[in-house]
C-alpha atoms as a PDB file:
ATOM      1  CA  UNK A   1      17.459  -7.357 -13.166  1.00  0.00           C
ATOM      2  CA  UNK A   2      19.684  -4.301 -13.327  1.00  0.00           C
ATOM      3  CA  UNK A   3      17.858  -1.210 -12.059  1.00  0.00           C
ATOM      4  CA  UNK A   4      16.095   0.898 -14.690  1.00  0.00           C
ATOM      5  CA  UNK A   5      17.921   4.244 -14.970  1.00  0.00           C
ATOM      6  CA  UNK A   6      15.040   6.240 -13.496  1.00  0.00           C
ATOM      7  CA  UNK A   7      14.755   4.090 -10.357  1.00  0.00           C
ATOM      8  CA  UNK A   8      17.536   6.023  -8.647  1.00  0.00           C
ATOM      9  CA  UNK A   9      17.117   9.371 -10.402  1.00  0.00           C
ATOM     10  CA  UNK A  10      19.299  12.065  -8.833  1.00  0.00           C
ATOM     11  CA  UNK A  11      18.615  11.022  -5.257  1.00  0.00           C
ATOM     12  CA  UNK A  12      21.571   8.641  -5.044  1.00  0.00           C
ATOM     13  CA  UNK A  13      23.954  11.561  -5.620  1.00  0.00           C
ATOM     14  CA  UNK A  14      22.498  13.822  -2.903  1.00  0.00           C
ATOM     15  CA  UNK A  15      24.183  14.589   0.421  1.00  0.00           C
ATOM     16  CA  UNK A  16      23.168  12.923   3.717  1.00  0.00           C
ATOM     17  CA  UNK A  17      21.782   9.815   2.068  1.00  0.00           C
ATOM     18  CA  UNK A  18      20.189   7.145   4.213  1.00  0.00           C
ATOM     19  CA  UNK A  19      19.019   4.643   1.622  1.00  0.00           C
ATOM     20  CA  UNK A  20      17.132   1.370   2.000  1.00  0.00           C
ATOM     21  CA  UNK A  21      16.908  -1.149  -0.838  1.00  0.00           C
ATOM     22  CA  UNK A  22      14.016  -3.570  -0.285  1.00  0.00           C
ATOM     23  CA  UNK A  23      14.135  -7.080  -1.757  1.00  0.00           C
ATOM     24  CA  UNK A  24      17.771  -6.329  -2.521  1.00  0.00           C
ATOM     25  CA  UNK A  25      18.511  -9.652  -4.220  1.00  0.00           C
ATOM     26  CA  UNK A  26      22.173  -9.814  -5.243  1.00  0.00           C
ATOM     27  CA  UNK A  27      22.691  -6.101  -4.515  1.00  0.00           C
ATOM     28  CA  UNK A  28      22.553  -4.587  -8.001  1.00  0.00           C
ATOM     29  CA  UNK A  29      20.632  -1.464  -6.988  1.00  0.00           C
ATOM     30  CA  UNK A  30      22.950  -0.574  -4.122  1.00  0.00           C
ATOM     31  CA  UNK A  31      26.010  -1.281  -6.256  1.00  0.00           C
ATOM     32  CA  UNK A  32      24.773   1.285  -8.784  1.00  0.00           C
ATOM     33  CA  UNK A  33      23.611   3.768  -6.122  1.00  0.00           C
ATOM     34  CA  UNK A  34      26.910   3.728  -4.266  1.00  0.00           C
ATOM     35  CA  UNK A  35      28.837   4.206  -7.507  1.00  0.00           C
ATOM     36  CA  UNK A  36      26.724   7.259  -8.336  1.00  0.00           C
ATOM     37  CA  UNK A  37      27.146   8.668  -4.832  1.00  0.00           C
ATOM     38  CA  UNK A  38      30.910   8.195  -4.957  1.00  0.00           C
ATOM     39  CA  UNK A  39      31.087   9.938  -8.319  1.00  0.00           C
ATOM     40  CA  UNK A  40      29.247  12.932  -6.824  1.00  0.00           C
ATOM     41  CA  UNK A  41      31.596  13.091  -3.842  1.00  0.00           C
ATOM     42  CA  UNK A  42      28.995  12.173  -1.227  1.00  0.00           C
ATOM     43  CA  UNK A  43      30.740  11.717   2.121  1.00  0.00           C
ATOM     44  CA  UNK A  44      27.762  11.202   4.449  1.00  0.00           C
ATOM     45  CA  UNK A  45      25.955   8.232   2.949  1.00  0.00           C
ATOM     46  CA  UNK A  46      24.662   5.089   4.626  1.00  0.00           C
ATOM     47  CA  UNK A  47      22.920   2.131   3.049  1.00  0.00           C
ATOM     48  CA  UNK A  48      20.720  -0.739   4.176  1.00  0.00           C
ATOM     49  CA  UNK A  49      19.836  -3.888   2.237  1.00  0.00           C
ATOM     50  CA  UNK A  50      16.672  -5.784   3.215  1.00  0.00           C
ATOM     51  CA  UNK A  51      15.623  -9.206   1.944  1.00  0.00           C
ATOM     52  CA  UNK A  52      13.603 -12.100   3.349  1.00  0.00           C
ATOM     53  CA  UNK A  53      16.197 -14.526   1.940  1.00  0.00           C
ATOM     54  CA  UNK A  54      19.396 -15.031   3.915  1.00  0.00           C
ATOM     55  CA  UNK A  55      20.988 -16.519   0.793  1.00  0.00           C
ATOM     56  CA  UNK A  56      20.327 -13.360  -1.191  1.00  0.00           C
ATOM     57  CA  UNK A  57      21.679 -11.230   1.646  1.00  0.00           C
ATOM     58  CA  UNK A  58      24.885 -13.266   1.715  1.00  0.00           C
ATOM     59  CA  UNK A  59      25.220 -12.891  -2.053  1.00  0.00           C
ATOM     60  CA  UNK A  60      24.547  -9.146  -1.854  1.00  0.00           C
ATOM     61  CA  UNK A  61      27.143  -8.753   0.898  1.00  0.00           C
ATOM     62  CA  UNK A  62      29.717 -10.634  -1.147  1.00  0.00           C
ATOM     63  CA  UNK A  63      29.029  -8.544  -4.259  1.00  0.00           C
ATOM     64  CA  UNK A  64      28.947  -5.215  -2.413  1.00  0.00           C
ATOM     65  CA  UNK A  65      32.056  -5.973  -0.353  1.00  0.00           C
ATOM     66  CA  UNK A  66      33.842  -6.609  -3.628  1.00  0.00           C
ATOM     67  CA  UNK A  67      32.482  -3.571  -5.473  1.00  0.00           C
ATOM     68  CA  UNK A  68      32.488  -1.072  -2.580  1.00  0.00           C
ATOM     69  CA  UNK A  69      34.618  -2.305   0.315  1.00  0.00           C
ATOM     70  CA  UNK A  70      34.602   1.097   2.055  1.00  0.00           C
ATOM     71  CA  UNK A  71      30.829   1.671   1.980  1.00  0.00           C
ATOM     72  CA  UNK A  72      28.738   1.571   5.160  1.00  0.00           C
ATOM     73  CA  UNK A  73      26.045  -1.052   4.519  1.00  0.00           C
ATOM     74  CA  UNK A  74      23.726  -2.860   6.920  1.00  0.00           C
ATOM     75  CA  UNK A  75      22.248  -6.182   5.812  1.00  0.00           C
ATOM     76  CA  UNK A  76      18.863  -6.976   7.364  1.00  0.00           C
ATOM     77  CA  UNK A  77      16.780 -10.112   6.980  1.00  0.00           C
ATOM     78  CA  UNK A  78      13.127  -9.143   7.126  1.00  0.00           C
ATOM     79  CA  UNK A  79       9.675  -8.867   5.608  1.00  0.00           C
ATOM     80  CA  UNK A  80       9.032  -5.990   3.179  1.00  0.00           C
ATOM     81  CA  UNK A  81       5.433  -5.906   4.372  1.00  0.00           C
ATOM     82  CA  UNK A  82       6.375  -5.412   8.044  1.00  0.00           C
ATOM     83  CA  UNK A  83       9.816  -3.855   8.121  1.00  0.00           C
ATOM     84  CA  UNK A  84      11.929  -3.935  11.299  1.00  0.00           C
ATOM     85  CA  UNK A  85      12.758  -0.226  11.426  1.00  0.00           C
ATOM     86  CA  UNK A  86      11.707   2.779  13.494  1.00  0.00           C
ATOM     87  CA  UNK A  87       9.653   5.625  12.020  1.00  0.00           C
ATOM     88  CA  UNK A  88      11.278   8.369   9.913  1.00  0.00           C
ATOM     89  CA  UNK A  89      14.631   6.637   9.343  1.00  0.00           C
ATOM     90  CA  UNK A  90      15.460   6.737   5.622  1.00  0.00           C
ATOM     91  CA  UNK A  91      15.740   9.487   3.023  1.00  0.00           C
ATOM     92  CA  UNK A  92      15.251   7.071   0.121  1.00  0.00           C
ATOM     93  CA  UNK A  93      13.717   3.620  -0.390  1.00  0.00           C
ATOM     94  CA  UNK A  94      14.032   1.578  -3.571  1.00  0.00           C
ATOM     95  CA  UNK A  95      12.558  -1.759  -4.638  1.00  0.00           C
ATOM     96  CA  UNK A  96      13.624  -3.163  -7.985  1.00  0.00           C
ATOM     97  CA  UNK A  97      10.860  -5.508  -9.230  1.00  0.00           C
ATOM     98  CA  UNK A  98      10.446  -6.833  -5.696  1.00  0.00           C
ATOM     99  CA  UNK A  99       6.913  -5.505  -5.353  1.00  0.00           C
ATOM    100  CA  UNK A 100       5.820  -8.166  -7.864  1.00  0.00           C
ATOM    101  CA  UNK A 101       6.676 -10.896  -5.340  1.00  0.00           C
ATOM    102  CA  UNK A 102       4.628  -9.495  -2.444  1.00  0.00           C
ATOM    103  CA  UNK A 103       1.249 -10.885  -1.444  1.00  0.00           C
ATOM    104  CA  UNK A 104       0.269  -7.509   0.070  1.00  0.00           C
ATOM    105  CA  UNK A 105       2.105  -4.728  -1.763  1.00  0.00           C
ATOM    106  CA  UNK A 106      -0.059  -2.056  -0.103  1.00  0.00           C
ATOM    107  CA  UNK A 107       1.500  -3.004   3.235  1.00  0.00           C
ATOM    108  CA  UNK A 108       4.933  -2.480   1.714  1.00  0.00           C
ATOM    109  CA  UNK A 109       3.906   0.963   0.461  1.00  0.00           C
ATOM    110  CA  UNK A 110       2.456   2.020   3.810  1.00  0.00           C
ATOM    111  CA  UNK A 111       5.477   0.643   5.663  1.00  0.00           C
ATOM    112  CA  UNK A 112       7.753   2.603   3.327  1.00  0.00           C
ATOM    113  CA  UNK A 113       5.802   5.754   4.143  1.00  0.00           C
ATOM    114  CA  UNK A 114       6.178   5.062   7.871  1.00  0.00           C
ATOM    115  CA  UNK A 115       9.941   4.604   7.851  1.00  0.00           C
ATOM    116  CA  UNK A 116      10.765   7.397   5.383  1.00  0.00           C
ATOM    117  CA  UNK A 117      11.830  10.756   6.738  1.00  0.00           C
ATOM    118  CA  UNK A 118       9.534  13.659   5.801  1.00  0.00           C
ATOM    119  CA  UNK A 119      10.575  14.685   2.305  1.00  0.00           C
ATOM    120  CA  UNK A 120      11.974  11.211   1.617  1.00  0.00           C
ATOM    121  CA  UNK A 121      11.080   9.297  -1.504  1.00  0.00           C
ATOM    122  CA  UNK A 122       9.998   5.761  -2.398  1.00  0.00           C
ATOM    123  CA  UNK A 123      10.747   4.407  -5.880  1.00  0.00           C
ATOM    124  CA  UNK A 124       9.898   0.952  -7.190  1.00  0.00           C
ATOM    125  CA  UNK A 125       9.906  -0.793 -10.539  1.00  0.00           C
ATOM    126  CA  UNK A 126       7.559  -3.338 -12.111  1.00  0.00           C
ATOM    127  CA  UNK A 127       7.128  -4.808 -15.555  1.00  0.00           C
ATOM    128  CA  UNK A 128       4.909  -3.216 -18.170  1.00  0.00           C
ATOM    129  CA  UNK A 129       1.860  -5.275 -19.068  1.00  0.00           C
ATOM    130  CA  UNK A 130       1.674  -7.674 -21.979  1.00  0.00           C
ATOM    131  CA  UNK A 131       1.981  -7.479 -24.940  1.00  0.00           C
ATOM    132  CA  UNK A 132       4.638  -4.790 -24.368  1.00  0.00           C
ATOM    133  CA  UNK A 133       6.811  -7.125 -22.259  1.00  0.00           C
ATOM    134  CA  UNK A 134       7.580  -9.673 -24.942  1.00  0.00           C
ATOM    135  CA  UNK A 135       9.070 -12.303 -22.630  1.00  0.00           C
ATOM    136  CA  UNK A 136       5.870 -12.549 -20.599  1.00  0.00           C
ATOM    137  CA  UNK A 137       3.712 -12.235 -23.700  1.00  0.00           C
ATOM    138  CA  UNK A 138       5.464 -15.221 -25.258  1.00  0.00           C
ATOM    139  CA  UNK A 139       5.229 -17.545 -22.271  1.00  0.00           C
ATOM    140  CA  UNK A 140       1.673 -16.605 -21.272  1.00  0.00           C
ATOM    141  CA  UNK A 141       0.552 -16.902 -24.886  1.00  0.00           C
ATOM    142  CA  UNK A 142       2.136 -20.336 -25.129  1.00  0.00           C
ATOM    143  CA  UNK A 143       0.398 -21.496 -21.951  1.00  0.00           C
ATOM    144  CA  UNK A 144      -2.939 -20.160 -23.188  1.00  0.00           C
ATOM    145  CA  UNK A 145      -2.542 -21.906 -26.544  1.00  0.00           C
ATOM    146  CA  UNK A 146      -0.987 -25.217 -25.558  1.00  0.00           C
ATOM    147  CA  UNK A 147      -1.204 -25.661 -21.797  1.00  0.00           C
ATOM    148  CA  UNK A 148      -3.453 -25.023 -18.822  1.00  0.00           C
ATOM    149  CA  UNK A 149      -3.884 -21.304 -18.063  1.00  0.00           C
ATOM    150  CA  UNK A 150      -6.292 -22.017 -15.170  1.00  0.00           C
ATOM    151  CA  UNK A 151      -3.675 -23.366 -12.733  1.00  0.00           C
ATOM    152  CA  UNK A 152      -4.510 -22.333  -9.167  1.00  0.00           C
ATOM    153  CA  UNK A 153      -1.963 -19.676  -8.170  1.00  0.00           C
ATOM    154  CA  UNK A 154      -1.027 -18.371  -4.718  1.00  0.00           C
ATOM    155  CA  UNK A 155      -3.108 -15.464  -3.491  1.00  0.00           C
ATOM    156  CA  UNK A 156      -1.799 -12.108  -4.574  1.00  0.00           C
ATOM    157  CA  UNK A 157      -2.575  -8.986  -6.566  1.00  0.00           C
ATOM    158  CA  UNK A 158      -2.704  -9.001 -10.383  1.00  0.00           C
ATOM    159  CA  UNK A 159       0.832  -9.389 -11.723  1.00  0.00           C
ATOM    160  CA  UNK A 160       0.642  -6.283 -13.905  1.00  0.00           C
ATOM    161  CA  UNK A 161      -1.133  -4.103 -11.330  1.00  0.00           C
ATOM    162  CA  UNK A 162       1.763  -1.661 -11.059  1.00  0.00           C
ATOM    163  CA  UNK A 163       1.970  -1.088 -14.797  1.00  0.00           C
ATOM    164  CA  UNK A 164      -1.257   0.961 -14.623  1.00  0.00           C
ATOM    165  CA  UNK A 165      -0.625   4.673 -13.818  1.00  0.00           C
ATOM    166  CA  UNK A 166      -4.106   5.106 -12.340  1.00  0.00           C
ATOM    167  CA  UNK A 167      -3.622   2.144 -10.019  1.00  0.00           C
ATOM    168  CA  UNK A 168      -0.176   3.424  -9.034  1.00  0.00           C
ATOM    169  CA  UNK A 169      -1.519   6.888  -8.195  1.00  0.00           C
ATOM    170  CA  UNK A 170      -4.324   5.440  -6.089  1.00  0.00           C
ATOM    171  CA  UNK A 171      -2.025   3.057  -4.223  1.00  0.00           C
ATOM    172  CA  UNK A 172       0.578   5.684  -3.360  1.00  0.00           C
ATOM    173  CA  UNK A 173      -1.959   8.359  -2.483  1.00  0.00           C
ATOM    174  CA  UNK A 174      -3.777   5.941  -0.170  1.00  0.00           C
ATOM    175  CA  UNK A 175      -0.661   5.769   2.015  1.00  0.00           C
ATOM    176  CA  UNK A 176      -0.126   9.531   1.933  1.00  0.00           C
ATOM    177  CA  UNK A 177       2.490   9.951  -0.796  1.00  0.00           C
ATOM    178  CA  UNK A 178       2.597  13.122  -2.885  1.00  0.00           C
ATOM    179  CA  UNK A 179       4.497  14.286  -6.002  1.00  0.00           C
ATOM    180  CA  UNK A 180       3.866  10.921  -7.630  1.00  0.00           C
ATOM    181  CA  UNK A 181       5.796  10.181 -10.813  1.00  0.00           C
ATOM    182  CA  UNK A 182       5.310   7.277 -13.216  1.00  0.00           C
ATOM    183  CA  UNK A 183       7.830   6.636 -15.993  1.00  0.00           C
ATOM    184  CA  UNK A 184       7.835   3.894 -18.607  1.00  0.00           C
ATOM    185  CA  UNK A 185      11.394   2.826 -19.437  1.00  0.00           C
ATOM    186  CA  UNK A 186      11.086   1.636 -23.029  1.00  0.00           C
ATOM    187  CA  UNK A 187      14.800   1.013 -23.539  1.00  0.00           C
ATOM    188  CA  UNK A 188      15.016  -2.228 -21.568  1.00  0.00           C
ATOM    189  CA  UNK A 189      15.705  -5.237 -23.810  1.00  0.00           C
ATOM    190  CA  UNK A 190      16.626  -8.793 -22.882  1.00  0.00           C
ATOM    191  CA  UNK A 191      19.599  -9.323 -25.185  1.00  0.00           C
ATOM    192  CA  UNK A 192      20.974 -12.318 -23.273  1.00  0.00           C
ATOM    193  CA  UNK A 193      18.065 -14.699 -23.930  1.00  0.00           C
ATOM    194  CA  UNK A 194      19.487 -17.117 -26.482  1.00  0.00           C
ATOM    195  CA  UNK A 195      16.600 -19.514 -27.044  1.00  0.00           C
ATOM    196  CA  UNK A 196      13.021 -20.337 -26.127  1.00  0.00           C
ATOM    197  CA  UNK A 197      14.261 -22.946 -23.673  1.00  0.00           C
ATOM    198  CA  UNK A 198      16.486 -20.320 -22.036  1.00  0.00           C
ATOM    199  CA  UNK A 199      13.501 -17.977 -21.688  1.00  0.00           C
ATOM    200  CA  UNK A 200      11.437 -20.781 -20.159  1.00  0.00           C
ATOM    201  CA  UNK A 201      14.198 -21.459 -17.637  1.00  0.00           C
ATOM    202  CA  UNK A 202      14.538 -17.764 -16.717  1.00  0.00           C
ATOM    203  CA  UNK A 203      10.822 -17.414 -16.029  1.00  0.00           C
ATOM    204  CA  UNK A 204      10.657 -20.757 -14.201  1.00  0.00           C
ATOM    205  CA  UNK A 205      13.534 -19.906 -11.874  1.00  0.00           C
ATOM    206  CA  UNK A 206      13.394 -16.115 -11.593  1.00  0.00           C
ATOM    207  CA  UNK A 207       9.725 -15.232 -11.145  1.00  0.00           C
ATOM    208  CA  UNK A 208       7.047 -16.005  -8.579  1.00  0.00           C
ATOM    209  CA  UNK A 209       3.551 -16.308 -10.055  1.00  0.00           C
ATOM    210  CA  UNK A 210       4.743 -17.257 -13.556  1.00  0.00           C
ATOM    211  CA  UNK A 211       6.900 -19.956 -11.954  1.00  0.00           C
ATOM    212  CA  UNK A 212       3.865 -21.403 -10.201  1.00  0.00           C
ATOM    213  CA  UNK A 213       1.894 -21.287 -13.457  1.00  0.00           C
ATOM    214  CA  UNK A 214       4.618 -23.295 -15.195  1.00  0.00           C
ATOM    215  CA  UNK A 215       5.052 -25.713 -12.312  1.00  0.00           C
ATOM    216  CA  UNK A 216       1.316 -26.358 -12.359  1.00  0.00           C
ATOM    217  CA  UNK A 217       1.406 -27.837 -15.851  1.00  0.00           C
ATOM    218  CA  UNK A 218       1.337 -31.603 -16.243  1.00  0.00           C
ATOM    219  CA  UNK A 219       4.353 -33.192 -17.918  1.00  0.00           C
ATOM    220  CA  UNK A 220       2.437 -33.456 -21.193  1.00  0.00           C
ATOM    221  CA  UNK A 221       1.184 -29.864 -20.929  1.00  0.00           C
ATOM    222  CA  UNK A 222       4.685 -28.596 -20.163  1.00  0.00           C
ATOM    223  CA  UNK A 223       6.064 -30.314 -23.264  1.00  0.00           C
ATOM    224  CA  UNK A 224       3.328 -28.763 -25.402  1.00  0.00           C
ATOM    225  CA  UNK A 225       3.955 -25.314 -23.880  1.00  0.00           C
ATOM    226  CA  UNK A 226       7.674 -25.554 -24.580  1.00  0.00           C
ATOM    227  CA  UNK A 227       7.048 -26.561 -28.181  1.00  0.00           C
ATOM    228  CA  UNK A 228       4.599 -23.698 -28.675  1.00  0.00           C
ATOM    229  CA  UNK A 229       7.024 -21.284 -27.000  1.00  0.00           C
ATOM    230  CA  UNK A 230       9.808 -22.361 -29.385  1.00  0.00           C
ATOM    231  CA  UNK A 231       7.592 -21.633 -32.362  1.00  0.00           C
ATOM    232  CA  UNK A 232       6.539 -18.218 -31.052  1.00  0.00           C
ATOM    233  CA  UNK A 233      10.061 -17.297 -29.953  1.00  0.00           C
ATOM    234  CA  UNK A 234      11.575 -18.054 -33.356  1.00  0.00           C
ATOM    235  CA  UNK A 235       8.871 -15.981 -35.039  1.00  0.00           C
ATOM    236  CA  UNK A 236       9.114 -13.032 -32.633  1.00  0.00           C
ATOM    237  CA  UNK A 237      12.916 -12.861 -32.536  1.00  0.00           C
ATOM    238  CA  UNK A 238      13.498 -13.765 -36.193  1.00  0.00           C
ATOM    239  CA  UNK A 239      15.291 -16.969 -35.257  1.00  0.00           C
ATOM    240  CA  UNK A 240      17.014 -15.425 -32.251  1.00  0.00           C
ATOM    241  CA  UNK A 241      18.477 -12.408 -34.051  1.00  0.00           C
ATOM    242  CA  UNK A 242      16.477  -9.866 -32.033  1.00  0.00           C
ATOM    243  CA  UNK A 243      16.272  -9.234 -28.299  1.00  0.00           C
ATOM    244  CA  UNK A 244      13.018  -9.215 -26.374  1.00  0.00           C
ATOM    245  CA  UNK A 245      11.512  -5.859 -25.472  1.00  0.00           C
ATOM    246  CA  UNK A 246      10.932  -5.747 -21.691  1.00  0.00           C
ATOM    247  CA  UNK A 247       9.882  -2.199 -20.759  1.00  0.00           C
ATOM    248  CA  UNK A 248       9.564  -1.401 -17.071  1.00  0.00           C
ATOM    249  CA  UNK A 249       7.380   1.048 -15.173  1.00  0.00           C
ATOM    250  CA  UNK A 250       9.165   3.054 -12.473  1.00  0.00           C
ATOM    251  CA  UNK A 251       6.915   4.703  -9.893  1.00  0.00           C
ATOM    252  CA  UNK A 252       7.847   7.053  -7.094  1.00  0.00           C
ATOM    253  CA  UNK A 253       6.265   9.252  -4.468  1.00  0.00           C
ATOM    254  CA  UNK A 254       7.456  11.667  -1.795  1.00  0.00           C
ATOM    255  CA  UNK A 255       6.488  11.679   1.867  1.00  0.00           C
ATOM    256  CA  UNK A 256       5.242  15.233   2.509  1.00  0.00           C
ATOM    257  CA  UNK A 257       7.131  17.441   4.932  1.00  0.00           C
ATOM    258  CA  UNK A 258       3.863  17.908   6.817  1.00  0.00           C
ATOM    259  CA  UNK A 259       2.059  14.714   7.660  1.00  0.00           C
ATOM    260  CA  UNK A 260       0.114  12.967  10.374  1.00  0.00           C
ATOM    261  CA  UNK A 261      -0.082   9.185  10.976  1.00  0.00           C
ATOM    262  CA  UNK A 262       0.285   8.409   7.294  1.00  0.00           C
ATOM    263  CA  UNK A 263      -2.161  11.065   6.096  1.00  0.00           C
ATOM    264  CA  UNK A 264      -1.048  14.088   4.139  1.00  0.00           C
ATOM    265  CA  UNK A 265      -2.082  17.427   5.610  1.00  0.00           C
ATOM    266  CA  UNK A 266      -0.773  19.806   2.974  1.00  0.00           C
END
C-alpha cells in the first residue's frame, strides 16, 4: 500500500533526518520520504529500512536504488518487536500497515520509543474498521454468510485494534509517548480492484489474519465464499464501476524531551 499522506507529515522534509521505516516491504514509504526531503533541500538525511523478510529487503533495495541512487540507506533484516538498534538513534519511525502483522504490537511501540531520540516521532497506519473499509467488509461478510467464520487463527491482537482512537491513545501513552495524533484518511480508494476474484486474491496473498481465515476454508466453503463475494462485489461496486473505499487510520506520538526508562516525566 502506498503511504497515506499524513503518515509522513512534514517530518520527512526537516533537517538532520534519521528515519527508520519498519516493515518496509517494497520500500514505498522511503521512496516517498526521500523524494519529499530532496524537494525541501535536505542535505543531512539518513534512512534505514527494516523488515523480517530478506526478499522484501532485496526488493526495497532494488526499488530505492532505482528511484534514489544517491540516498544513504541501510537495509536491516530484523524483528519489529525486538529491533537491533541502540537507544536514542532515530528522529522518525514509520510503519505503513505493518503493525497489523505483528503478534505483539505493544512491543513494537515500546521498542520504537526506546530507539527514538528525545523529541522524535513514531507514526504508523492501520485500516479503519468494517464496514468503512469496504474490501474487508465484503470478504468478511461473505465468509460469515457462506463459509466458516470460526476458523482457528494465529494468536494476535484484534485486527482492527488500531482503528480505535481510545485504544491508540492508551497504547502509545503506555510506552511514554506524548502529543498523540490520530487522523482518519478518508480519501483512500482501491481503484485497481477489477473483480471479486481479484479482491479475493489480494486479500489471500497480501494480508496475514484474513489470509489464514481464507486458507482455513474447506474447498466447498471456499467456492461458496467466492460466489457470495461475487454477488456482494457486483452490488457494492455497481458491476465494477466504483472503487472500494479503504480509509486508513494514521496514528503518531512524540517521545518527550524529558523522559526516564520509557516513562514520561513532563
